[in-house]
Amino acid sequence: MQILKRLLRPLAQVWRRTIEMKAGIFMAQAVCGDRKEKSCMAELAPTVSNVREWRADFPISQSAFKKRIFEGNELFELFVDQQAICYGWVAQHGVRIGVLHDLQFKVPDKAFYIWDCATSPAFQGHGHFQNLLKAILASHESGTTALVAVDSKNYASRAALRKAGFQPVFFYFSIRIFGAVVWSGVVEEGKLKKAQPRFDQLNTGLEIG
């Protein structure tokens, strides 16, 4: 059996490079007035910072950091004992976002988009990402909506998002063959739709969640 697996491994690698299918869940959470209460901010503010200056320990280059800031993104970091252990980027309204393959959308008015989040491996599984999400929500005005797209196989992030109050809006997927996208779809309320038109609707004032 092991010999057969070794023989088939190159074929499996070729198959993955030839046909690629990825899927995710688009989620939303309304920012309510009670998130702006002083008690909530007092609890979260000492451990979460909006970082505006690049550091050498960031996972992206200084030029990439400045580009993200220039385009309308903000970086939030959660600290434990003065050590940054969790971060997440937030795109404000008007920023164009690439979601999956060639799918993209523009962050609507009165909304913001949370993306490129990570927690240091040694600190995973302790609720830090959930606390970061709560702090990001608390930093935005009541009446705005937080948006996020999460890989369908990222069960840990999906659980943290649900605990922070995020609810699924629709399921999306994209199929790519030899590097070319052949179909992108959305499943919403049991109906299959083309994906890009649905993402375009996010900026037309229609209900998003």
N, C-alpha and C. Protein backbone atom coordinates (compact mmCIF):
# COMPACT_ATOMS: atom_id res chain seq x y z
N MET A 1 0.82 -1.21 0.00
CA MET A 1 0.00 0.00 0.00
C MET A 1 0.86 1.27 0.00
N GLN A 2 1.93 1.28 0.81
CA GLN A 2 2.80 2.44 0.87
C GLN A 2 3.48 2.67 -0.48
N ILE A 3 3.88 1.56 -1.15
CA ILE A 3 4.51 1.70 -2.46
C ILE A 3 3.53 2.29 -3.46
N LEU A 4 2.28 1.85 -3.40
CA LEU A 4 1.25 2.38 -4.31
C LEU A 4 1.03 3.87 -4.07
N LYS A 5 1.01 4.27 -2.80
CA LYS A 5 0.83 5.69 -2.48
C LYS A 5 1.97 6.53 -3.03
N ARG A 6 3.20 5.99 -2.92
CA ARG A 6 4.35 6.73 -3.44
C ARG A 6 4.28 6.87 -4.96
N LEU A 7 3.80 5.81 -5.62
CA LEU A 7 3.68 5.85 -7.07
C LEU A 7 2.60 6.82 -7.53
N LEU A 8 1.52 6.91 -6.75
CA LEU A 8 0.39 7.77 -7.13
C LEU A 8 0.58 9.22 -6.73
N ARG A 9 1.53 9.48 -5.82
CA ARG A 9 1.71 10.85 -5.33
C ARG A 9 2.00 11.85 -6.45
N PRO A 10 2.91 11.54 -7.40
CA PRO A 10 3.12 12.51 -8.50
C PRO A 10 1.86 12.78 -9.31
N LEU A 11 1.04 11.74 -9.52
CA LEU A 11 -0.21 11.93 -10.26
C LEU A 11 -1.16 12.84 -9.50
N ALA A 12 -1.21 12.67 -8.18
CA ALA A 12 -2.08 13.52 -7.35
C ALA A 12 -1.63 14.96 -7.41
N GLN A 13 -0.30 15.18 -7.42
CA GLN A 13 0.22 16.55 -7.50
C GLN A 13 -0.13 17.19 -8.83
N VAL A 14 -0.02 16.43 -9.90
CA VAL A 14 -0.39 16.95 -11.22
C VAL A 14 -1.88 17.28 -11.26
N TRP A 15 -2.71 16.42 -10.66
CA TRP A 15 -4.15 16.65 -10.62
C TRP A 15 -4.49 17.94 -9.88
N ARG A 16 -3.82 18.16 -8.73
CA ARG A 16 -4.09 19.38 -7.96
C ARG A 16 -3.67 20.62 -8.72
N ARG A 17 -2.57 20.51 -9.49
CA ARG A 17 -2.13 21.67 -10.26
C ARG A 17 -3.04 21.91 -11.47
N THR A 18 -3.67 20.84 -11.96
CA THR A 18 -4.52 20.96 -13.14
C THR A 18 -5.91 21.47 -12.79
N ILE A 19 -6.52 20.89 -11.78
CA ILE A 19 -7.87 21.27 -11.37
C ILE A 19 -7.83 21.74 -9.92
N GLU A 20 -8.24 22.96 -9.70
CA GLU A 20 -8.22 23.55 -8.35
C GLU A 20 -9.61 24.08 -8.02
N MET A 21 -10.16 23.61 -6.91
CA MET A 21 -11.44 24.12 -6.44
C MET A 21 -11.29 24.62 -5.01
N LYS A 22 -11.69 25.84 -4.79
CA LYS A 22 -11.64 26.42 -3.45
C LYS A 22 -13.00 26.99 -3.10
N ALA A 23 -13.29 27.02 -1.80
CA ALA A 23 -14.60 27.49 -1.36
C ALA A 23 -14.45 28.27 -0.06
N GLY A 24 -15.43 29.12 0.19
CA GLY A 24 -15.41 29.92 1.41
C GLY A 24 -16.81 30.33 1.83
N ILE A 25 -16.87 31.01 2.95
CA ILE A 25 -18.14 31.50 3.49
C ILE A 25 -18.00 33.00 3.71
N PHE A 26 -18.92 33.76 3.13
CA PHE A 26 -18.95 35.21 3.34
C PHE A 26 -19.86 35.49 4.53
N MET A 27 -19.34 36.22 5.54
CA MET A 27 -20.07 36.42 6.79
C MET A 27 -20.17 37.91 7.11
N ALA A 28 -21.14 38.25 7.95
CA ALA A 28 -21.37 39.65 8.31
C ALA A 28 -21.81 39.75 9.76
N GLN A 29 -21.53 40.92 10.33
CA GLN A 29 -21.93 41.20 11.71
C GLN A 29 -22.17 42.69 11.84
N ALA A 30 -23.37 43.08 12.24
CA ALA A 30 -23.69 44.48 12.46
C ALA A 30 -23.05 44.98 13.75
N VAL A 31 -22.50 46.19 13.70
CA VAL A 31 -21.92 46.80 14.90
C VAL A 31 -23.03 47.52 15.65
N CYS A 32 -23.33 47.02 16.84
CA CYS A 32 -24.42 47.58 17.65
C CYS A 32 -23.89 48.64 18.60
N GLY A 33 -24.81 49.47 19.08
CA GLY A 33 -24.43 50.56 19.96
C GLY A 33 -23.76 50.10 21.24
N ASP A 34 -24.16 48.93 21.77
CA ASP A 34 -23.61 48.51 23.04
C ASP A 34 -22.14 48.13 22.94
N ARG A 35 -21.62 47.95 21.70
CA ARG A 35 -20.20 47.65 21.55
C ARG A 35 -19.35 48.89 21.82
N LYS A 36 -19.95 50.06 21.84
CA LYS A 36 -19.21 51.29 22.07
C LYS A 36 -19.26 51.72 23.53
N GLU A 37 -19.84 50.90 24.40
CA GLU A 37 -19.90 51.26 25.81
C GLU A 37 -18.50 51.38 26.39
N LYS A 38 -18.32 52.27 27.35
CA LYS A 38 -17.00 52.50 27.94
C LYS A 38 -16.45 51.24 28.59
N SER A 39 -17.33 50.43 29.19
CA SER A 39 -16.85 49.23 29.86
C SER A 39 -16.21 48.27 28.88
N CYS A 40 -16.81 48.17 27.67
CA CYS A 40 -16.27 47.29 26.64
C CYS A 40 -14.93 47.83 26.14
N MET A 41 -14.87 49.13 25.87
CA MET A 41 -13.64 49.71 25.37
C MET A 41 -12.53 49.64 26.41
N ALA A 42 -12.88 49.84 27.68
CA ALA A 42 -11.87 49.81 28.73
C ALA A 42 -11.25 48.43 28.85
N GLU A 43 -12.07 47.40 28.60
CA GLU A 43 -11.57 46.04 28.71
C GLU A 43 -10.65 45.68 27.55
N LEU A 44 -10.97 46.18 26.33
CA LEU A 44 -10.26 45.75 25.15
C LEU A 44 -9.11 46.67 24.75
N ALA A 45 -9.23 47.98 25.00
CA ALA A 45 -8.25 48.93 24.51
C ALA A 45 -6.82 48.66 24.97
N PRO A 46 -6.54 48.25 26.23
CA PRO A 46 -5.15 48.07 26.64
C PRO A 46 -4.43 46.94 25.91
N THR A 47 -5.15 46.00 25.32
CA THR A 47 -4.50 44.85 24.71
C THR A 47 -4.52 44.87 23.19
N VAL A 48 -5.27 45.77 22.59
CA VAL A 48 -5.37 45.83 21.13
C VAL A 48 -5.00 47.22 20.66
N SER A 49 -4.13 47.28 19.66
CA SER A 49 -3.68 48.57 19.14
C SER A 49 -3.87 48.64 17.63
N ASN A 50 -4.17 49.84 17.16
CA ASN A 50 -4.20 50.13 15.74
C ASN A 50 -2.79 50.57 15.34
N VAL A 51 -2.07 49.70 14.64
CA VAL A 51 -0.65 49.91 14.35
C VAL A 51 -0.50 50.67 13.04
N ARG A 52 0.26 51.76 13.08
CA ARG A 52 0.43 52.60 11.90
C ARG A 52 1.87 52.63 11.38
N GLU A 53 2.80 52.05 12.14
CA GLU A 53 4.20 52.05 11.73
C GLU A 53 4.69 50.63 11.51
N TRP A 54 5.46 50.43 10.45
CA TRP A 54 5.98 49.10 10.11
C TRP A 54 7.06 48.68 11.10
N ARG A 55 7.11 47.36 11.38
CA ARG A 55 8.18 46.78 12.21
C ARG A 55 8.86 45.65 11.44
N ALA A 56 10.08 45.37 11.82
CA ALA A 56 10.87 44.36 11.12
C ALA A 56 10.30 42.96 11.30
N ASP A 57 9.50 42.74 12.37
CA ASP A 57 8.95 41.41 12.61
C ASP A 57 7.63 41.17 11.89
N PHE A 58 7.15 42.13 11.09
CA PHE A 58 5.92 41.94 10.35
C PHE A 58 6.13 40.91 9.24
N PRO A 59 5.08 40.14 8.89
CA PRO A 59 5.22 39.12 7.84
C PRO A 59 5.21 39.69 6.43
N ILE A 60 5.08 41.01 6.27
CA ILE A 60 5.13 41.64 4.95
C ILE A 60 6.21 42.71 4.96
N SER A 61 6.65 43.08 3.77
CA SER A 61 7.72 44.07 3.65
C SER A 61 7.21 45.47 4.01
N GLN A 62 8.14 46.38 4.21
CA GLN A 62 7.77 47.75 4.54
C GLN A 62 7.00 48.40 3.40
N SER A 63 7.41 48.13 2.16
CA SER A 63 6.72 48.72 1.01
C SER A 63 5.30 48.17 0.89
N ALA A 64 5.11 46.85 1.16
CA ALA A 64 3.77 46.26 1.12
C ALA A 64 2.90 46.83 2.23
N PHE A 65 3.49 47.05 3.41
CA PHE A 65 2.76 47.64 4.54
C PHE A 65 2.27 49.04 4.17
N LYS A 66 3.15 49.86 3.63
CA LYS A 66 2.79 51.23 3.27
C LYS A 66 1.73 51.23 2.17
N LYS A 67 1.81 50.28 1.25
CA LYS A 67 0.82 50.20 0.17
C LYS A 67 -0.56 49.90 0.74
N ARG A 68 -0.62 48.95 1.68
CA ARG A 68 -1.91 48.61 2.28
C ARG A 68 -2.50 49.81 3.02
N ILE A 69 -1.67 50.53 3.77
CA ILE A 69 -2.14 51.71 4.50
C ILE A 69 -2.64 52.77 3.53
N PHE A 70 -1.88 52.99 2.46
CA PHE A 70 -2.24 54.00 1.46
C PHE A 70 -3.57 53.67 0.79
N GLU A 71 -3.83 52.38 0.61
CA GLU A 71 -5.07 51.96 -0.07
C GLU A 71 -6.30 52.03 0.84
N GLY A 72 -6.11 52.30 2.12
CA GLY A 72 -7.25 52.44 3.02
C GLY A 72 -7.44 51.30 3.99
N ASN A 73 -6.34 50.57 4.28
CA ASN A 73 -6.38 49.47 5.24
C ASN A 73 -5.77 49.89 6.57
N GLU A 74 -6.19 49.22 7.63
CA GLU A 74 -5.63 49.45 8.96
C GLU A 74 -5.23 48.11 9.56
N LEU A 75 -4.16 48.12 10.36
CA LEU A 75 -3.68 46.91 11.01
C LEU A 75 -3.99 46.98 12.50
N PHE A 76 -4.64 45.93 13.01
CA PHE A 76 -4.93 45.80 14.44
C PHE A 76 -4.13 44.63 15.00
N GLU A 77 -3.50 44.84 16.16
CA GLU A 77 -2.73 43.79 16.81
C GLU A 77 -3.19 43.60 18.23
N LEU A 78 -3.23 42.35 18.68
CA LEU A 78 -3.56 42.01 20.06
C LEU A 78 -2.26 41.62 20.77
N PHE A 79 -2.04 42.20 21.95
CA PHE A 79 -0.81 41.98 22.70
C PHE A 79 -1.09 41.19 23.98
N VAL A 80 -0.20 40.29 24.32
CA VAL A 80 -0.20 39.58 25.59
C VAL A 80 1.17 39.77 26.22
N ASP A 81 1.20 40.38 27.40
CA ASP A 81 2.48 40.68 28.07
C ASP A 81 3.41 41.45 27.13
N GLN A 82 2.84 42.44 26.45
CA GLN A 82 3.56 43.34 25.54
C GLN A 82 4.12 42.62 24.31
N GLN A 83 3.64 41.41 24.05
CA GLN A 83 4.05 40.67 22.87
C GLN A 83 2.88 40.57 21.90
N ALA A 84 3.10 40.98 20.64
CA ALA A 84 2.06 40.90 19.62
C ALA A 84 1.88 39.45 19.21
N ILE A 85 0.69 38.90 19.46
CA ILE A 85 0.49 37.48 19.19
C ILE A 85 -0.67 37.23 18.21
N CYS A 86 -1.39 38.27 17.83
CA CYS A 86 -2.53 38.11 16.93
C CYS A 86 -2.74 39.41 16.17
N TYR A 87 -3.01 39.32 14.87
CA TYR A 87 -3.23 40.53 14.10
C TYR A 87 -4.32 40.32 13.06
N GLY A 88 -4.85 41.42 12.56
CA GLY A 88 -5.84 41.38 11.49
C GLY A 88 -5.89 42.71 10.76
N TRP A 89 -6.04 42.65 9.46
CA TRP A 89 -6.16 43.86 8.66
C TRP A 89 -7.63 44.21 8.45
N VAL A 90 -7.92 45.50 8.38
CA VAL A 90 -9.28 45.99 8.18
C VAL A 90 -9.29 46.96 7.01
N ALA A 91 -10.07 46.65 5.99
CA ALA A 91 -10.24 47.53 4.83
C ALA A 91 -11.49 48.38 5.04
N GLN A 92 -11.34 49.68 4.91
CA GLN A 92 -12.47 50.59 5.08
C GLN A 92 -13.25 50.72 3.77
N HIS A 93 -14.40 51.38 3.83
CA HIS A 93 -15.29 51.44 2.66
C HIS A 93 -14.56 52.09 1.47
N GLY A 94 -14.85 51.56 0.31
CA GLY A 94 -14.22 52.05 -0.91
C GLY A 94 -13.03 51.24 -1.37
N VAL A 95 -12.46 50.43 -0.49
CA VAL A 95 -11.29 49.62 -0.85
C VAL A 95 -11.74 48.41 -1.67
N ARG A 96 -11.03 48.12 -2.75
CA ARG A 96 -11.35 46.94 -3.57
C ARG A 96 -10.60 45.73 -3.03
N ILE A 97 -11.34 44.62 -2.85
CA ILE A 97 -10.82 43.43 -2.21
C ILE A 97 -10.84 42.23 -3.16
N GLY A 98 -9.74 41.50 -3.23
CA GLY A 98 -9.72 40.23 -3.94
C GLY A 98 -10.10 39.13 -2.97
N VAL A 99 -11.10 38.33 -3.32
CA VAL A 99 -11.62 37.31 -2.41
C VAL A 99 -11.04 35.94 -2.71
N LEU A 100 -11.23 35.47 -3.94
CA LEU A 100 -10.78 34.14 -4.32
C LEU A 100 -10.62 34.07 -5.83
N HIS A 101 -9.45 33.61 -6.29
CA HIS A 101 -9.15 33.58 -7.72
C HIS A 101 -9.39 34.98 -8.30
N ASP A 102 -10.34 35.13 -9.24
CA ASP A 102 -10.58 36.46 -9.81
C ASP A 102 -11.80 37.15 -9.21
N LEU A 103 -12.38 36.60 -8.15
CA LEU A 103 -13.53 37.23 -7.49
C LEU A 103 -13.06 38.43 -6.67
N GLN A 104 -13.81 39.52 -6.76
CA GLN A 104 -13.47 40.71 -6.00
C GLN A 104 -14.72 41.56 -5.76
N PHE A 105 -14.60 42.50 -4.83
CA PHE A 105 -15.69 43.44 -4.57
C PHE A 105 -15.13 44.69 -3.92
N LYS A 106 -15.93 45.74 -3.89
CA LYS A 106 -15.55 46.99 -3.24
C LYS A 106 -16.30 47.08 -1.93
N VAL A 107 -15.58 47.39 -0.86
CA VAL A 107 -16.20 47.48 0.46
C VAL A 107 -17.28 48.57 0.44
N PRO A 108 -18.53 48.23 0.78
CA PRO A 108 -19.63 49.20 0.69
C PRO A 108 -19.51 50.33 1.71
N ASP A 109 -20.30 51.38 1.49
CA ASP A 109 -20.43 52.43 2.48
C ASP A 109 -21.00 51.84 3.77
N LYS A 110 -20.62 52.40 4.89
CA LYS A 110 -21.07 51.97 6.21
C LYS A 110 -20.72 50.50 6.47
N ALA A 111 -19.58 50.09 5.95
CA ALA A 111 -19.10 48.72 6.17
C ALA A 111 -17.58 48.72 6.20
N PHE A 112 -17.01 47.66 6.73
CA PHE A 112 -15.57 47.44 6.69
C PHE A 112 -15.33 45.94 6.57
N TYR A 113 -14.16 45.60 6.08
CA TYR A 113 -13.86 44.20 5.75
C TYR A 113 -12.61 43.75 6.51
N ILE A 114 -12.73 42.65 7.24
CA ILE A 114 -11.61 42.11 8.03
C ILE A 114 -10.94 41.00 7.22
N TRP A 115 -9.60 41.08 7.10
CA TRP A 115 -8.90 40.12 6.26
C TRP A 115 -7.46 39.91 6.75
N ASP A 116 -6.80 38.91 6.17
CA ASP A 116 -5.41 38.58 6.47
C ASP A 116 -5.15 38.58 7.98
N CYS A 117 -5.84 37.69 8.67
CA CYS A 117 -5.69 37.57 10.13
C CYS A 117 -4.86 36.33 10.47
N ALA A 118 -4.11 36.42 11.56
CA ALA A 118 -3.31 35.26 11.98
C ALA A 118 -2.99 35.38 13.47
N THR A 119 -2.81 34.22 14.10
CA THR A 119 -2.40 34.13 15.50
C THR A 119 -1.13 33.29 15.58
N SER A 120 -0.18 33.70 16.39
CA SER A 120 1.05 32.94 16.56
C SER A 120 0.72 31.52 16.99
N PRO A 121 1.37 30.52 16.39
CA PRO A 121 1.03 29.11 16.67
C PRO A 121 0.99 28.77 18.16
N ALA A 122 1.90 29.31 18.95
CA ALA A 122 1.97 28.98 20.38
C ALA A 122 0.77 29.52 21.16
N PHE A 123 0.02 30.46 20.56
CA PHE A 123 -1.09 31.09 21.27
C PHE A 123 -2.44 30.73 20.66
N GLN A 124 -2.46 29.82 19.71
CA GLN A 124 -3.72 29.44 19.09
C GLN A 124 -4.56 28.58 20.02
N GLY A 125 -5.89 28.69 19.86
CA GLY A 125 -6.79 27.89 20.66
C GLY A 125 -7.13 28.47 22.01
N HIS A 126 -6.79 29.74 22.24
CA HIS A 126 -7.05 30.38 23.54
C HIS A 126 -8.01 31.56 23.44
N GLY A 127 -8.66 31.71 22.29
CA GLY A 127 -9.67 32.76 22.15
C GLY A 127 -9.12 34.12 21.80
N HIS A 128 -7.83 34.22 21.44
CA HIS A 128 -7.25 35.53 21.15
C HIS A 128 -7.83 36.14 19.88
N PHE A 129 -8.05 35.32 18.85
CA PHE A 129 -8.62 35.83 17.62
C PHE A 129 -10.03 36.39 17.85
N GLN A 130 -10.80 35.70 18.68
CA GLN A 130 -12.14 36.17 19.01
C GLN A 130 -12.08 37.52 19.72
N ASN A 131 -11.13 37.68 20.64
CA ASN A 131 -10.97 38.95 21.34
C ASN A 131 -10.54 40.06 20.39
N LEU A 132 -9.68 39.72 19.43
CA LEU A 132 -9.28 40.70 18.43
C LEU A 132 -10.48 41.16 17.62
N LEU A 133 -11.32 40.22 17.21
CA LEU A 133 -12.52 40.57 16.46
C LEU A 133 -13.42 41.50 17.25
N LYS A 134 -13.61 41.20 18.53
CA LYS A 134 -14.46 42.05 19.38
C LYS A 134 -13.89 43.46 19.48
N ALA A 135 -12.56 43.56 19.57
CA ALA A 135 -11.93 44.87 19.67
C ALA A 135 -12.09 45.66 18.37
N ILE A 136 -11.96 44.98 17.24
CA ILE A 136 -12.13 45.65 15.95
C ILE A 136 -13.57 46.16 15.82
N LEU A 137 -14.54 45.34 16.21
CA LEU A 137 -15.94 45.77 16.17
C LEU A 137 -16.16 46.97 17.08
N ALA A 138 -15.56 46.93 18.26
CA ALA A 138 -15.75 48.01 19.23
C ALA A 138 -15.14 49.32 18.76
N SER A 139 -14.17 49.24 17.84
CA SER A 139 -13.50 50.45 17.37
C SER A 139 -14.27 51.15 16.25
N HIS A 140 -15.36 50.55 15.78
CA HIS A 140 -16.13 51.13 14.68
C HIS A 140 -17.49 51.62 15.18
N GLU A 141 -18.04 52.53 14.42
CA GLU A 141 -19.27 53.19 14.81
C GLU A 141 -20.47 52.24 14.72
N SER A 142 -21.43 52.48 15.62
CA SER A 142 -22.69 51.75 15.56
C SER A 142 -23.38 52.04 14.24
N GLY A 143 -24.00 51.02 13.65
CA GLY A 143 -24.67 51.18 12.37
C GLY A 143 -23.84 50.73 11.19
N THR A 144 -22.55 50.46 11.41
CA THR A 144 -21.72 49.91 10.35
C THR A 144 -21.79 48.39 10.39
N THR A 145 -21.31 47.76 9.34
CA THR A 145 -21.35 46.30 9.25
C THR A 145 -19.96 45.75 8.98
N ALA A 146 -19.56 44.76 9.75
CA ALA A 146 -18.28 44.09 9.55
C ALA A 146 -18.48 42.92 8.59
N LEU A 147 -17.62 42.80 7.62
CA LEU A 147 -17.67 41.74 6.63
C LEU A 147 -16.39 40.91 6.70
N VAL A 148 -16.49 39.65 6.37
CA VAL A 148 -15.32 38.78 6.37
C VAL A 148 -15.59 37.59 5.47
N ALA A 149 -14.55 37.10 4.79
CA ALA A 149 -14.63 35.88 3.99
C ALA A 149 -13.65 34.87 4.59
N VAL A 150 -14.12 33.68 4.87
CA VAL A 150 -13.29 32.67 5.52
C VAL A 150 -13.30 31.39 4.71
N ASP A 151 -12.15 30.75 4.59
CA ASP A 151 -12.04 29.48 3.88
C ASP A 151 -12.95 28.45 4.55
N SER A 152 -13.66 27.69 3.76
CA SER A 152 -14.63 26.74 4.31
C SER A 152 -13.95 25.66 5.17
N LYS A 153 -12.66 25.41 4.95
CA LYS A 153 -11.93 24.40 5.71
C LYS A 153 -11.24 24.96 6.95
N ASN A 154 -11.32 26.27 7.14
CA ASN A 154 -10.69 26.89 8.31
C ASN A 154 -11.69 26.87 9.47
N TYR A 155 -11.83 25.71 10.09
CA TYR A 155 -12.86 25.52 11.11
C TYR A 155 -12.61 26.35 12.36
N ALA A 156 -11.36 26.56 12.72
CA ALA A 156 -11.04 27.34 13.91
C ALA A 156 -11.48 28.79 13.74
N SER A 157 -11.17 29.39 12.59
CA SER A 157 -11.57 30.78 12.34
C SER A 157 -13.09 30.89 12.23
N ARG A 158 -13.72 29.91 11.61
CA ARG A 158 -15.18 29.93 11.50
C ARG A 158 -15.83 29.91 12.88
N ALA A 159 -15.29 29.11 13.78
CA ALA A 159 -15.83 29.03 15.14
C ALA A 159 -15.64 30.35 15.87
N ALA A 160 -14.46 30.96 15.72
CA ALA A 160 -14.20 32.24 16.39
C ALA A 160 -15.11 33.34 15.85
N LEU A 161 -15.34 33.34 14.55
CA LEU A 161 -16.21 34.34 13.95
C LEU A 161 -17.65 34.20 14.45
N ARG A 162 -18.12 32.97 14.55
CA ARG A 162 -19.49 32.74 15.05
C ARG A 162 -19.60 33.19 16.51
N LYS A 163 -18.59 32.90 17.33
CA LYS A 163 -18.62 33.31 18.72
C LYS A 163 -18.61 34.83 18.86
N ALA A 164 -17.99 35.50 17.89
CA ALA A 164 -17.95 36.97 17.90
C ALA A 164 -19.23 37.58 17.33
N GLY A 165 -20.16 36.73 16.87
CA GLY A 165 -21.45 37.22 16.39
C GLY A 165 -21.62 37.25 14.89
N PHE A 166 -20.63 36.81 14.13
CA PHE A 166 -20.75 36.81 12.67
C PHE A 166 -21.69 35.71 12.21
N GLN A 167 -22.50 36.04 11.20
CA GLN A 167 -23.44 35.09 10.64
C GLN A 167 -23.16 34.91 9.14
N PRO A 168 -23.32 33.69 8.62
CA PRO A 168 -23.07 33.47 7.18
C PRO A 168 -24.09 34.20 6.31
N VAL A 169 -23.60 34.79 5.22
CA VAL A 169 -24.46 35.45 4.23
C VAL A 169 -24.65 34.53 3.03
N PHE A 170 -23.53 34.00 2.51
CA PHE A 170 -23.62 33.03 1.44
C PHE A 170 -22.33 32.21 1.37
N PHE A 171 -22.44 31.06 0.70
CA PHE A 171 -21.32 30.17 0.45
C PHE A 171 -20.85 30.41 -0.98
N TYR A 172 -19.54 30.52 -1.20
CA TYR A 172 -19.03 30.77 -2.54
C TYR A 172 -17.92 29.77 -2.89
N PHE A 173 -17.72 29.55 -4.18
CA PHE A 173 -16.67 28.62 -4.61
C PHE A 173 -16.19 29.02 -6.00
N SER A 174 -15.01 28.54 -6.35
CA SER A 174 -14.44 28.84 -7.65
C SER A 174 -13.65 27.63 -8.13
N ILE A 175 -13.79 27.30 -9.42
CA ILE A 175 -13.09 26.18 -10.02
C ILE A 175 -12.13 26.72 -11.09
N ARG A 176 -10.87 26.31 -10.97
CA ARG A 176 -9.86 26.78 -11.92
C ARG A 176 -9.15 25.57 -12.54
N ILE A 177 -9.02 25.56 -13.87
CA ILE A 177 -8.36 24.49 -14.60
C ILE A 177 -7.21 25.08 -15.41
N PHE A 178 -6.02 24.51 -15.22
CA PHE A 178 -4.82 25.03 -15.89
C PHE A 178 -4.67 26.53 -15.68
N GLY A 179 -5.01 27.00 -14.47
CA GLY A 179 -4.83 28.40 -14.12
C GLY A 179 -5.94 29.33 -14.58
N ALA A 180 -6.92 28.81 -15.31
CA ALA A 180 -8.02 29.65 -15.80
C ALA A 180 -9.30 29.31 -15.06
N VAL A 181 -10.01 30.32 -14.57
CA VAL A 181 -11.26 30.10 -13.85
C VAL A 181 -12.35 29.71 -14.85
N VAL A 182 -12.99 28.58 -14.61
CA VAL A 182 -14.06 28.11 -15.50
C VAL A 182 -15.44 28.36 -14.91
N TRP A 183 -15.55 28.49 -13.59
CA TRP A 183 -16.84 28.76 -12.98
C TRP A 183 -16.64 29.23 -11.55
N SER A 184 -17.38 30.26 -11.18
CA SER A 184 -17.43 30.74 -9.81
C SER A 184 -18.88 30.90 -9.43
N GLY A 185 -19.27 30.33 -8.32
CA GLY A 185 -20.66 30.36 -7.93
C GLY A 185 -20.89 30.75 -6.49
N VAL A 186 -22.14 31.07 -6.19
CA VAL A 186 -22.59 31.41 -4.85
C VAL A 186 -23.83 30.57 -4.56
N VAL A 187 -23.89 30.02 -3.37
CA VAL A 187 -25.09 29.33 -2.92
C VAL A 187 -25.70 30.15 -1.79
N GLU A 188 -26.92 30.64 -2.01
CA GLU A 188 -27.58 31.51 -1.04
C GLU A 188 -29.06 31.17 -0.99
N GLU A 189 -29.54 30.85 0.21
CA GLU A 189 -30.94 30.46 0.40
C GLU A 189 -31.32 29.29 -0.52
N GLY A 190 -30.39 28.36 -0.67
CA GLY A 190 -30.65 27.17 -1.47
C GLY A 190 -30.59 27.37 -2.97
N LYS A 191 -30.20 28.57 -3.42
CA LYS A 191 -30.15 28.86 -4.85
C LYS A 191 -28.71 29.06 -5.30
N LEU A 192 -28.40 28.55 -6.50
CA LEU A 192 -27.07 28.70 -7.09
C LEU A 192 -27.06 29.90 -8.02
N LYS A 193 -26.09 30.80 -7.81
CA LYS A 193 -25.98 32.00 -8.62
C LYS A 193 -24.53 32.18 -9.05
N LYS A 194 -24.32 33.02 -10.08
CA LYS A 194 -22.97 33.38 -10.45
C LYS A 194 -22.37 34.24 -9.33
N ALA A 195 -21.10 34.01 -9.07
CA ALA A 195 -20.49 34.63 -7.89
C ALA A 195 -20.22 36.13 -8.05
N GLN A 196 -19.59 36.54 -9.16
CA GLN A 196 -19.18 37.94 -9.26
C GLN A 196 -20.36 38.91 -9.21
N PRO A 197 -21.48 38.64 -9.91
CA PRO A 197 -22.62 39.56 -9.78
C PRO A 197 -23.12 39.67 -8.35
N ARG A 198 -23.06 38.58 -7.58
CA ARG A 198 -23.50 38.64 -6.18
C ARG A 198 -22.56 39.51 -5.36
N PHE A 199 -21.26 39.40 -5.59
CA PHE A 199 -20.32 40.27 -4.88
C PHE A 199 -20.49 41.73 -5.30
N ASP A 200 -20.82 41.96 -6.57
CA ASP A 200 -21.07 43.33 -7.03
C ASP A 200 -22.26 43.94 -6.31
N GLN A 201 -23.25 43.12 -5.95
CA GLN A 201 -24.45 43.62 -5.28
C GLN A 201 -24.15 44.20 -3.90
N LEU A 202 -23.02 43.82 -3.33
CA LEU A 202 -22.70 44.31 -1.99
C LEU A 202 -22.57 45.82 -1.95
N ASN A 203 -22.28 46.43 -3.10
CA ASN A 203 -22.08 47.87 -3.13
C ASN A 203 -23.23 48.63 -3.78
N THR A 204 -24.41 47.98 -3.87
CA THR A 204 -25.55 48.65 -4.50
C THR A 204 -26.62 49.06 -3.51
N GLY A 205 -26.32 48.88 -2.22
CA GLY A 205 -27.30 49.24 -1.22
C GLY A 205 -28.26 48.14 -0.87
N LEU A 206 -28.07 46.94 -1.46
CA LEU A 206 -28.93 45.81 -1.14
C LEU A 206 -28.57 45.25 0.22
N GLU A 207 -29.47 44.48 0.78
CA GLU A 207 -29.24 43.85 2.08
C GLU A 207 -28.04 42.91 1.98
N ILE A 208 -27.12 42.98 2.94
CA ILE A 208 -25.93 42.14 2.88
C ILE A 208 -25.87 41.16 4.03
N GLY A 209 -26.87 41.08 4.82
CA GLY A 209 -26.82 40.09 5.90
C GLY A 209 -27.81 40.41 6.98
